[in-house]
Amino acid sequence: MIDIEVERICDMRAGYKLHVLRSGVDGDIHISVMSVDDRVSFQDVEFCASASQSPNTFKALCELVKAMQKDAEERPQG
Protein backbone atom coordinates (compact mmCIF):
# COMPACT_ATOMS: atom_id res chain seq x y z
CA MET A 1 0.00 0.00 0.00
CA ILE A 2 1.23 3.52 -0.78
CA ASP A 3 0.72 6.65 1.32
CA ILE A 4 -2.50 8.50 0.62
CA GLU A 5 -2.23 12.22 1.33
CA VAL A 6 -5.12 14.63 0.89
CA GLU A 7 -5.79 18.19 1.97
CA ARG A 8 -8.55 20.74 1.64
CA ILE A 9 -8.44 24.47 2.30
CA CYS A 10 -10.82 25.68 5.01
CA ASP A 11 -14.08 27.28 3.82
CA MET A 12 -14.34 29.88 6.59
CA ARG A 13 -10.85 30.84 7.80
CA ALA A 14 -8.51 31.84 5.03
CA GLY A 15 -5.02 30.50 5.34
CA TYR A 16 -5.67 27.06 6.90
CA LYS A 17 -6.15 23.56 5.55
CA LEU A 18 -7.07 20.09 6.78
CA HIS A 19 -4.30 17.61 5.98
CA VAL A 20 -4.92 13.86 6.22
CA LEU A 21 -2.30 11.18 5.62
CA ARG A 22 -3.03 7.45 5.51
CA SER A 23 0.24 5.60 5.94
CA GLY A 24 1.12 3.03 3.34
CA VAL A 25 3.23 1.18 5.89
CA ASP A 26 0.72 0.44 8.65
CA GLY A 27 -2.53 2.08 7.52
CA ASP A 28 -2.57 4.56 10.39
CA ILE A 29 -4.25 7.90 9.78
CA HIS A 30 -2.60 11.21 10.74
CA ILE A 31 -4.67 14.41 10.86
CA SER A 32 -3.29 17.95 10.97
CA VAL A 33 -4.65 21.46 10.67
CA MET A 34 -1.95 23.69 9.29
CA SER A 35 -1.22 26.86 7.40
CA VAL A 36 -1.85 26.63 3.66
CA ASP A 37 1.87 27.30 3.09
CA ASP A 38 3.08 24.47 5.36
CA ARG A 39 4.19 21.14 3.89
CA VAL A 40 5.11 19.30 7.10
CA SER A 41 3.42 19.26 10.49
CA PHE A 42 4.90 17.95 13.70
CA GLN A 43 1.60 18.40 15.52
CA ASP A 44 -0.94 15.84 14.45
CA VAL A 45 -3.42 13.30 15.77
CA GLU A 46 -2.89 9.63 14.90
CA PHE A 47 -5.51 6.87 14.80
CA CYS A 48 -4.13 3.33 14.48
CA ALA A 49 -5.39 0.84 11.92
CA SER A 50 -4.74 -2.14 14.18
CA ALA A 51 -5.92 -2.36 17.79
CA SER A 52 -7.46 1.11 17.65
CA GLN A 53 -9.13 2.40 20.78
CA SER A 54 -11.54 4.21 18.45
CA PRO A 55 -12.55 1.74 15.71
CA ASN A 56 -15.67 3.69 14.69
CA THR A 57 -13.69 6.92 14.47
CA PHE A 58 -11.05 5.15 12.37
CA LYS A 59 -13.71 3.87 9.95
CA ALA A 60 -15.17 7.37 9.67
CA LEU A 61 -11.71 8.81 8.97
CA CYS A 62 -11.23 6.26 6.17
CA GLU A 63 -14.45 7.57 4.64
CA LEU A 64 -13.19 11.14 5.16
CA VAL A 65 -10.08 10.33 3.09
CA LYS A 66 -12.31 9.06 0.25
CA ALA A 67 -14.56 12.13 0.47
CA MET A 68 -11.59 14.50 0.40
CA GLN A 69 -10.18 12.70 -2.65
CA LYS A 70 -13.54 13.02 -4.41
CA ASP A 71 -13.77 16.74 -3.55
CA ALA A 72 -10.23 17.25 -4.86
CA GLU A 73 -11.20 15.60 -8.16
CA GLU A 74 -14.50 17.45 -8.51
CA ARG A 75 -13.43 20.84 -7.10
CA PRO A 76 -9.65 21.33 -7.22
CA GLN A 77 -8.20 24.04 -5.00
CA GLY A 78 -5.22 26.24 -5.78
PDB file of N, CA and C in Angstrom:
ATOM      1  N   MET A   1       0.837  -1.180   0.000  1.00  0.00           N
ATOM      2  CA  MET A   1       0.000   0.000   0.000  1.00  0.00           C
ATOM      3  C   MET A   1       0.887   1.251   0.000  1.00  0.00           C
ATOM      4  N   ILE A   2       0.481   2.262  -0.738  1.00  0.00           N
ATOM      5  CA  ILE A   2       1.233   3.515  -0.782  1.00  0.00           C
ATOM      6  C   ILE A   2       0.560   4.537   0.139  1.00  0.00           C
ATOM      7  N   ASP A   3       1.305   5.574   0.523  1.00  0.00           N
ATOM      8  CA  ASP A   3       0.725   6.651   1.321  1.00  0.00           C
ATOM      9  C   ASP A   3      -0.368   7.356   0.527  1.00  0.00           C
ATOM     10  N   ILE A   4      -1.440   7.691   1.209  1.00  0.00           N
ATOM     11  CA  ILE A   4      -2.499   8.505   0.618  1.00  0.00           C
ATOM     12  C   ILE A   4      -2.506   9.816   1.394  1.00  0.00           C
ATOM     13  N   GLU A   5      -2.318  10.907   0.687  1.00  0.00           N
ATOM     14  CA  GLU A   5      -2.233  12.221   1.325  1.00  0.00           C
ATOM     15  C   GLU A   5      -3.218  13.149   0.639  1.00  0.00           C
ATOM     16  N   VAL A   6      -4.134  13.711   1.427  1.00  0.00           N
ATOM     17  CA  VAL A   6      -5.121  14.633   0.889  1.00  0.00           C
ATOM     18  C   VAL A   6      -5.223  15.850   1.790  1.00  0.00           C
ATOM     19  N   GLU A   7      -5.590  16.985   1.187  1.00  0.00           N
ATOM     20  CA  GLU A   7      -5.788  18.191   1.969  1.00  0.00           C
ATOM     21  C   GLU A   7      -6.819  19.073   1.294  1.00  0.00           C
ATOM     22  N   ARG A   8      -7.536  19.817   2.128  1.00  0.00           N
ATOM     23  CA  ARG A   8      -8.555  20.741   1.643  1.00  0.00           C
ATOM     24  C   ARG A   8      -8.410  22.040   2.415  1.00  0.00           C
ATOM     25  N   ILE A   9      -8.507  23.148   1.693  1.00  0.00           N
ATOM     26  CA  ILE A   9      -8.438  24.471   2.298  1.00  0.00           C
ATOM     27  C   ILE A   9      -9.759  24.760   3.008  1.00  0.00           C
ATOM     28  N   CYS A  10      -9.667  25.358   4.177  1.00  0.00           N
ATOM     29  CA  CYS A  10     -10.821  25.679   5.010  1.00  0.00           C
ATOM     30  C   CYS A  10     -11.775  26.642   4.299  1.00  0.00           C
ATOM     31  N   ASP A  11     -13.077  26.411   4.433  1.00  0.00           N
ATOM     32  CA  ASP A  11     -14.082  27.280   3.821  1.00  0.00           C
ATOM     33  C   ASP A  11     -14.209  28.631   4.528  1.00  0.00           C
ATOM     34  N   MET A  12     -14.017  28.673   5.830  1.00  0.00           N
ATOM     35  CA  MET A  12     -14.337  29.881   6.591  1.00  0.00           C
ATOM     36  C   MET A  12     -13.142  30.710   7.047  1.00  0.00           C
ATOM     37  N   ARG A  13     -12.014  30.089   7.317  1.00  0.00           N
ATOM     38  CA  ARG A  13     -10.846  30.839   7.802  1.00  0.00           C
ATOM     39  C   ARG A  13      -9.740  30.757   6.771  1.00  0.00           C
ATOM     40  N   ALA A  14      -9.547  31.807   6.064  1.00  0.00           N
ATOM     41  CA  ALA A  14      -8.512  31.841   5.027  1.00  0.00           C
ATOM     42  C   ALA A  14      -7.146  31.530   5.641  1.00  0.00           C
ATOM     43  N   GLY A  15      -6.379  30.752   4.918  1.00  0.00           N
ATOM     44  CA  GLY A  15      -5.017  30.497   5.340  1.00  0.00           C
ATOM     45  C   GLY A  15      -4.781  29.157   6.014  1.00  0.00           C
ATOM     46  N   TYR A  16      -5.840  28.354   6.241  1.00  0.00           N
ATOM     47  CA  TYR A  16      -5.667  27.065   6.901  1.00  0.00           C
ATOM     48  C   TYR A  16      -6.218  25.930   6.048  1.00  0.00           C
ATOM     49  N   LYS A  17      -5.688  24.729   6.286  1.00  0.00           N
ATOM     50  CA  LYS A  17      -6.147  23.557   5.547  1.00  0.00           C
ATOM     51  C   LYS A  17      -6.184  22.345   6.477  1.00  0.00           C
ATOM     52  N   LEU A  18      -7.020  21.381   6.107  1.00  0.00           N
ATOM     53  CA  LEU A  18      -7.074  20.093   6.778  1.00  0.00           C
ATOM     54  C   LEU A  18      -6.201  19.140   5.976  1.00  0.00           C
ATOM     55  N   HIS A  19      -5.247  18.517   6.628  1.00  0.00           N
ATOM     56  CA  HIS A  19      -4.302  17.614   5.979  1.00  0.00           C
ATOM     57  C   HIS A  19      -4.476  16.225   6.587  1.00  0.00           C
ATOM     58  N   VAL A  20      -4.734  15.231   5.753  1.00  0.00           N
ATOM     59  CA  VAL A  20      -4.919  13.856   6.220  1.00  0.00           C
ATOM     60  C   VAL A  20      -3.960  12.943   5.459  1.00  0.00           C
ATOM     61  N   LEU A  21      -3.239  12.130   6.203  1.00  0.00           N
ATOM     62  CA  LEU A  21      -2.295  11.178   5.621  1.00  0.00           C
ATOM     63  C   LEU A  21      -2.665   9.784   6.106  1.00  0.00           C
ATOM     64  N   ARG A  22      -2.853   8.853   5.163  1.00  0.00           N
ATOM     65  CA  ARG A  22      -3.033   7.446   5.510  1.00  0.00           C
ATOM     66  C   ARG A  22      -1.748   6.730   5.126  1.00  0.00           C
ATOM     67  N   SER A  23      -1.065   6.218   6.132  1.00  0.00           N
ATOM     68  CA  SER A  23       0.244   5.598   5.945  1.00  0.00           C
ATOM     69  C   SER A  23       0.149   4.332   5.108  1.00  0.00           C
ATOM     70  N   GLY A  24       1.040   4.227   4.150  1.00  0.00           N
ATOM     71  CA  GLY A  24       1.119   3.032   3.337  1.00  0.00           C
ATOM     72  C   GLY A  24       1.818   1.889   4.049  1.00  0.00           C
ATOM     73  N   VAL A  25       2.493   2.185   5.140  1.00  0.00           N
ATOM     74  CA  VAL A  25       3.232   1.177   5.890  1.00  0.00           C
ATOM     75  C   VAL A  25       2.305   0.395   6.823  1.00  0.00           C
ATOM     76  N   ASP A  26       1.538   1.121   7.650  1.00  0.00           N
ATOM     77  CA  ASP A  26       0.725   0.444   8.655  1.00  0.00           C
ATOM     78  C   ASP A  26      -0.760   0.806   8.593  1.00  0.00           C
ATOM     79  N   GLY A  27      -1.136   1.707   7.669  1.00  0.00           N
ATOM     80  CA  GLY A  27      -2.533   2.075   7.516  1.00  0.00           C
ATOM     81  C   GLY A  27      -3.031   3.099   8.506  1.00  0.00           C
ATOM     82  N   ASP A  28      -2.168   3.551   9.418  1.00  0.00           N
ATOM     83  CA  ASP A  28      -2.568   4.560  10.392  1.00  0.00           C
ATOM     84  C   ASP A  28      -2.939   5.863   9.687  1.00  0.00           C
ATOM     85  N   ILE A  29      -3.809   6.630  10.331  1.00  0.00           N
ATOM     86  CA  ILE A  29      -4.251   7.904   9.777  1.00  0.00           C
ATOM     87  C   ILE A  29      -3.757   9.033  10.663  1.00  0.00           C
ATOM     88  N   HIS A  30      -3.120  10.033  10.044  1.00  0.00           N
ATOM     89  CA  HIS A  30      -2.604  11.210  10.737  1.00  0.00           C
ATOM     90  C   HIS A  30      -3.394  12.420  10.263  1.00  0.00           C
ATOM     91  N   ILE A  31      -3.876  13.238  11.195  1.00  0.00           N
ATOM     92  CA  ILE A  31      -4.673  14.414  10.861  1.00  0.00           C
ATOM     93  C   ILE A  31      -3.992  15.654  11.408  1.00  0.00           C
ATOM     94  N   SER A  32      -3.886  16.690  10.565  1.00  0.00           N
ATOM     95  CA  SER A  32      -3.290  17.954  10.968  1.00  0.00           C
ATOM     96  C   SER A  32      -4.125  19.106  10.426  1.00  0.00           C
ATOM     97  N   VAL A  33      -4.145  20.189  11.168  1.00  0.00           N
ATOM     98  CA  VAL A  33      -4.653  21.459  10.671  1.00  0.00           C
ATOM     99  C   VAL A  33      -3.441  22.369  10.619  1.00  0.00           C
ATOM    100  N   MET A  34      -3.165  22.900   9.442  1.00  0.00           N
ATOM    101  CA  MET A  34      -1.950  23.688   9.289  1.00  0.00           C
ATOM    102  C   MET A  34      -2.159  24.849   8.328  1.00  0.00           C
ATOM    103  N   SER A  35      -1.210  25.734   8.315  1.00  0.00           N
ATOM    104  CA  SER A  35      -1.217  26.861   7.396  1.00  0.00           C
ATOM    105  C   SER A  35      -1.170  26.334   5.962  1.00  0.00           C
ATOM    106  N   VAL A  36      -1.830  27.033   5.067  1.00  0.00           N
ATOM    107  CA  VAL A  36      -1.851  26.632   3.660  1.00  0.00           C
ATOM    108  C   VAL A  36      -0.427  26.499   3.108  1.00  0.00           C
ATOM    109  N   ASP A  37       0.498  27.309   3.587  1.00  0.00           N
ATOM    110  CA  ASP A  37       1.870  27.297   3.086  1.00  0.00           C
ATOM    111  C   ASP A  37       2.718  26.155   3.627  1.00  0.00           C
ATOM    112  N   ASP A  38       2.285  25.530   4.737  1.00  0.00           N
ATOM    113  CA  ASP A  38       3.080  24.467   5.358  1.00  0.00           C
ATOM    114  C   ASP A  38       3.015  23.179   4.561  1.00  0.00           C
ATOM    115  N   ARG A  39       4.121  22.427   4.561  1.00  0.00           N
ATOM    116  CA  ARG A  39       4.190  21.137   3.895  1.00  0.00           C
ATOM    117  C   ARG A  39       4.326  20.001   4.916  1.00  0.00           C
ATOM    118  N   VAL A  40       4.874  20.313   6.083  1.00  0.00           N
ATOM    119  CA  VAL A  40       5.108  19.305   7.100  1.00  0.00           C
ATOM    120  C   VAL A  40       4.561  19.801   8.432  1.00  0.00           C
ATOM    121  N   SER A  41       3.914  18.913   9.162  1.00  0.00           N
ATOM    122  CA  SER A  41       3.418  19.261  10.486  1.00  0.00           C
ATOM    123  C   SER A  41       3.977  18.283  11.497  1.00  0.00           C
ATOM    124  N   PHE A  42       4.422  18.804  12.619  1.00  0.00           N
ATOM    125  CA  PHE A  42       4.895  17.950  13.698  1.00  0.00           C
ATOM    126  C   PHE A  42       3.856  17.842  14.800  1.00  0.00           C
ATOM    127  N   GLN A  43       2.706  18.484  14.578  1.00  0.00           N
ATOM    128  CA  GLN A  43       1.602  18.402  15.524  1.00  0.00           C
ATOM    129  C   GLN A  43       0.425  17.780  14.797  1.00  0.00           C
ATOM    130  N   ASP A  44       0.175  16.512  15.093  1.00  0.00           N
ATOM    131  CA  ASP A  44      -0.940  15.838  14.450  1.00  0.00           C
ATOM    132  C   ASP A  44      -1.582  14.861  15.421  1.00  0.00           C
ATOM    133  N   VAL A  45      -2.697  14.313  15.007  1.00  0.00           N
ATOM    134  CA  VAL A  45      -3.415  13.304  15.768  1.00  0.00           C
ATOM    135  C   VAL A  45      -3.341  12.017  14.947  1.00  0.00           C
ATOM    136  N   GLU A  46      -3.038  10.900  15.614  1.00  0.00           N
ATOM    137  CA  GLU A  46      -2.886   9.628  14.899  1.00  0.00           C
ATOM    138  C   GLU A  46      -3.909   8.612  15.420  1.00  0.00           C
ATOM    139  N   PHE A  47      -4.586   7.947  14.480  1.00  0.00           N
ATOM    140  CA  PHE A  47      -5.506   6.866  14.799  1.00  0.00           C
ATOM    141  C   PHE A  47      -4.960   5.604  14.149  1.00  0.00           C
ATOM    142  N   CYS A  48      -4.773   4.559  14.943  1.00  0.00           N
ATOM    143  CA  CYS A  48      -4.127   3.331  14.478  1.00  0.00           C
ATOM    144  C   CYS A  48      -5.100   2.409  13.751  1.00  0.00           C
ATOM    145  N   ALA A  49      -4.590   1.781  12.699  1.00  0.00           N
ATOM    146  CA  ALA A  49      -5.386   0.841  11.916  1.00  0.00           C
ATOM    147  C   ALA A  49      -5.600  -0.468  12.676  1.00  0.00           C
ATOM    148  N   SER A  50      -4.611  -0.883  13.431  1.00  0.00           N
ATOM    149  CA  SER A  50      -4.740  -2.135  14.183  1.00  0.00           C
ATOM    150  C   SER A  50      -4.841  -1.818  15.672  1.00  0.00           C
ATOM    151  N   ALA A  51      -5.714  -2.502  16.348  1.00  0.00           N
ATOM    152  CA  ALA A  51      -5.917  -2.356  17.792  1.00  0.00           C
ATOM    153  C   ALA A  51      -6.277  -0.922  18.187  1.00  0.00           C
ATOM    154  N   SER A  52      -7.054  -0.266  17.359  1.00  0.00           N
ATOM    155  CA  SER A  52      -7.462   1.109  17.647  1.00  0.00           C
ATOM    156  C   SER A  52      -8.384   1.152  18.850  1.00  0.00           C
ATOM    157  N   GLN A  53      -8.220   2.176  19.666  1.00  0.00           N
ATOM    158  CA  GLN A  53      -9.133   2.404  20.779  1.00  0.00           C
ATOM    159  C   GLN A  53     -10.405   3.086  20.294  1.00  0.00           C
ATOM    160  N   SER A  54     -10.399   3.496  19.029  1.00  0.00           N
ATOM    161  CA  SER A  54     -11.542   4.209  18.451  1.00  0.00           C
ATOM    162  C   SER A  54     -11.867   3.621  17.073  1.00  0.00           C
ATOM    163  N   PRO A  55     -12.330   2.380  17.008  1.00  0.00           N
ATOM    164  CA  PRO A  55     -12.555   1.745  15.708  1.00  0.00           C
ATOM    165  C   PRO A  55     -13.617   2.444  14.854  1.00  0.00           C
ATOM    166  N   ASN A  56     -14.647   2.980  15.468  1.00  0.00           N
ATOM    167  CA  ASN A  56     -15.670   3.691  14.692  1.00  0.00           C
ATOM    168  C   ASN A  56     -15.133   5.002  14.137  1.00  0.00           C
ATOM    169  N   THR A  57     -14.324   5.685  14.937  1.00  0.00           N
ATOM    170  CA  THR A  57     -13.686   6.919  14.468  1.00  0.00           C
ATOM    171  C   THR A  57     -12.742   6.609  13.319  1.00  0.00           C
ATOM    172  N   PHE A  58     -11.971   5.533  13.439  1.00  0.00           N
ATOM    173  CA  PHE A  58     -11.047   5.150  12.375  1.00  0.00           C
ATOM    174  C   PHE A  58     -11.803   4.880  11.075  1.00  0.00           C
ATOM    175  N   LYS A  59     -12.914   4.154  11.148  1.00  0.00           N
ATOM    176  CA  LYS A  59     -13.710   3.870   9.951  1.00  0.00           C
ATOM    177  C   LYS A  59     -14.221   5.160   9.322  1.00  0.00           C
ATOM    178  N   ALA A  60     -14.681   6.086  10.180  1.00  0.00           N
ATOM    179  CA  ALA A  60     -15.173   7.367   9.671  1.00  0.00           C
ATOM    180  C   ALA A  60     -14.051   8.164   9.009  1.00  0.00           C
ATOM    181  N   LEU A  61     -12.851   8.102   9.564  1.00  0.00           N
ATOM    182  CA  LEU A  61     -11.714   8.814   8.971  1.00  0.00           C
ATOM    183  C   LEU A  61     -11.333   8.206   7.617  1.00  0.00           C
ATOM    184  N   CYS A  62     -11.472   6.899   7.472  1.00  0.00           N
ATOM    185  CA  CYS A  62     -11.228   6.265   6.171  1.00  0.00           C
ATOM    186  C   CYS A  62     -12.206   6.812   5.140  1.00  0.00           C
ATOM    187  N   GLU A  63     -13.449   6.985   5.534  1.00  0.00           N
ATOM    188  CA  GLU A  63     -14.453   7.569   4.639  1.00  0.00           C
ATOM    189  C   GLU A  63     -14.138   9.035   4.357  1.00  0.00           C
ATOM    190  N   LEU A  64     -13.589   9.743   5.352  1.00  0.00           N
ATOM    191  CA  LEU A  64     -13.185  11.141   5.156  1.00  0.00           C
ATOM    192  C   LEU A  64     -12.109  11.239   4.080  1.00  0.00           C
ATOM    193  N   VAL A  65     -11.146  10.336   4.106  1.00  0.00           N
ATOM    194  CA  VAL A  65     -10.084  10.329   3.090  1.00  0.00           C
ATOM    195  C   VAL A  65     -10.708  10.192   1.700  1.00  0.00           C
ATOM    196  N   LYS A  66     -11.649   9.256   1.553  1.00  0.00           N
ATOM    197  CA  LYS A  66     -12.311   9.056   0.255  1.00  0.00           C
ATOM    198  C   LYS A  66     -13.089  10.305  -0.162  1.00  0.00           C
ATOM    199  N   ALA A  67     -13.782  10.922   0.781  1.00  0.00           N
ATOM    200  CA  ALA A  67     -14.561  12.126   0.469  1.00  0.00           C
ATOM    201  C   ALA A  67     -13.654  13.282   0.058  1.00  0.00           C
ATOM    202  N   MET A  68     -12.524  13.429   0.752  1.00  0.00           N
ATOM    203  CA  MET A  68     -11.587  14.500   0.400  1.00  0.00           C
ATOM    204  C   MET A  68     -10.987  14.261  -0.977  1.00  0.00           C
ATOM    205  N   GLN A  69     -10.695  13.010  -1.313  1.00  0.00           N
ATOM    206  CA  GLN A  69     -10.182  12.702  -2.649  1.00  0.00           C
ATOM    207  C   GLN A  69     -11.216  13.054  -3.711  1.00  0.00           C
ATOM    208  N   LYS A  70     -12.471  12.719  -3.459  1.00  0.00           N
ATOM    209  CA  LYS A  70     -13.535  13.016  -4.412  1.00  0.00           C
ATOM    210  C   LYS A  70     -13.707  14.527  -4.586  1.00  0.00           C
ATOM    211  N   ASP A  71     -13.679  15.278  -3.469  1.00  0.00           N
ATOM    212  CA  ASP A  71     -13.766  16.745  -3.552  1.00  0.00           C
ATOM    213  C   ASP A  71     -12.597  17.316  -4.353  1.00  0.00           C
ATOM    214  N   ALA A  72     -11.415  16.773  -4.142  1.00  0.00           N
ATOM    215  CA  ALA A  72     -10.232  17.255  -4.859  1.00  0.00           C
ATOM    216  C   ALA A  72     -10.361  17.017  -6.366  1.00  0.00           C
ATOM    217  N   GLU A  73     -10.975  15.904  -6.731  1.00  0.00           N
ATOM    218  CA  GLU A  73     -11.200  15.599  -8.156  1.00  0.00           C
ATOM    219  C   GLU A  73     -12.262  16.513  -8.754  1.00  0.00           C
ATOM    220  N   GLU A  74     -13.358  16.695  -8.005  1.00  0.00           N
ATOM    221  CA  GLU A  74     -14.496  17.453  -8.514  1.00  0.00           C
ATOM    222  C   GLU A  74     -14.331  18.963  -8.384  1.00  0.00           C
ATOM    223  N   ARG A  75     -13.599  19.413  -7.361  1.00  0.00           N
ATOM    224  CA  ARG A  75     -13.430  20.841  -7.099  1.00  0.00           C
ATOM    225  C   ARG A  75     -12.003  21.127  -6.654  1.00  0.00           C
ATOM    226  N   PRO A  76     -11.050  21.088  -7.578  1.00  0.00           N
ATOM    227  CA  PRO A  76      -9.649  21.334  -7.216  1.00  0.00           C
ATOM    228  C   PRO A  76      -9.467  22.713  -6.585  1.00  0.00           C
ATOM    229  N   GLN A  77      -8.538  22.760  -5.635  1.00  0.00           N
ATOM    230  CA  GLN A  77      -8.200  24.035  -4.999  1.00  0.00           C
ATOM    231  C   GLN A  77      -6.774  24.414  -5.354  1.00  0.00           C
ATOM    232  N   GLY A  78      -6.536  25.723  -5.423  1.00  0.00           N
ATOM    233  CA  GLY A  78      -5.224  26.245  -5.779  1.00  0.00           C
ATOM    234  C   GLY A  78      -4.171  25.880  -4.862  1.00  0.00           C
TER     235      GLY A  78
END
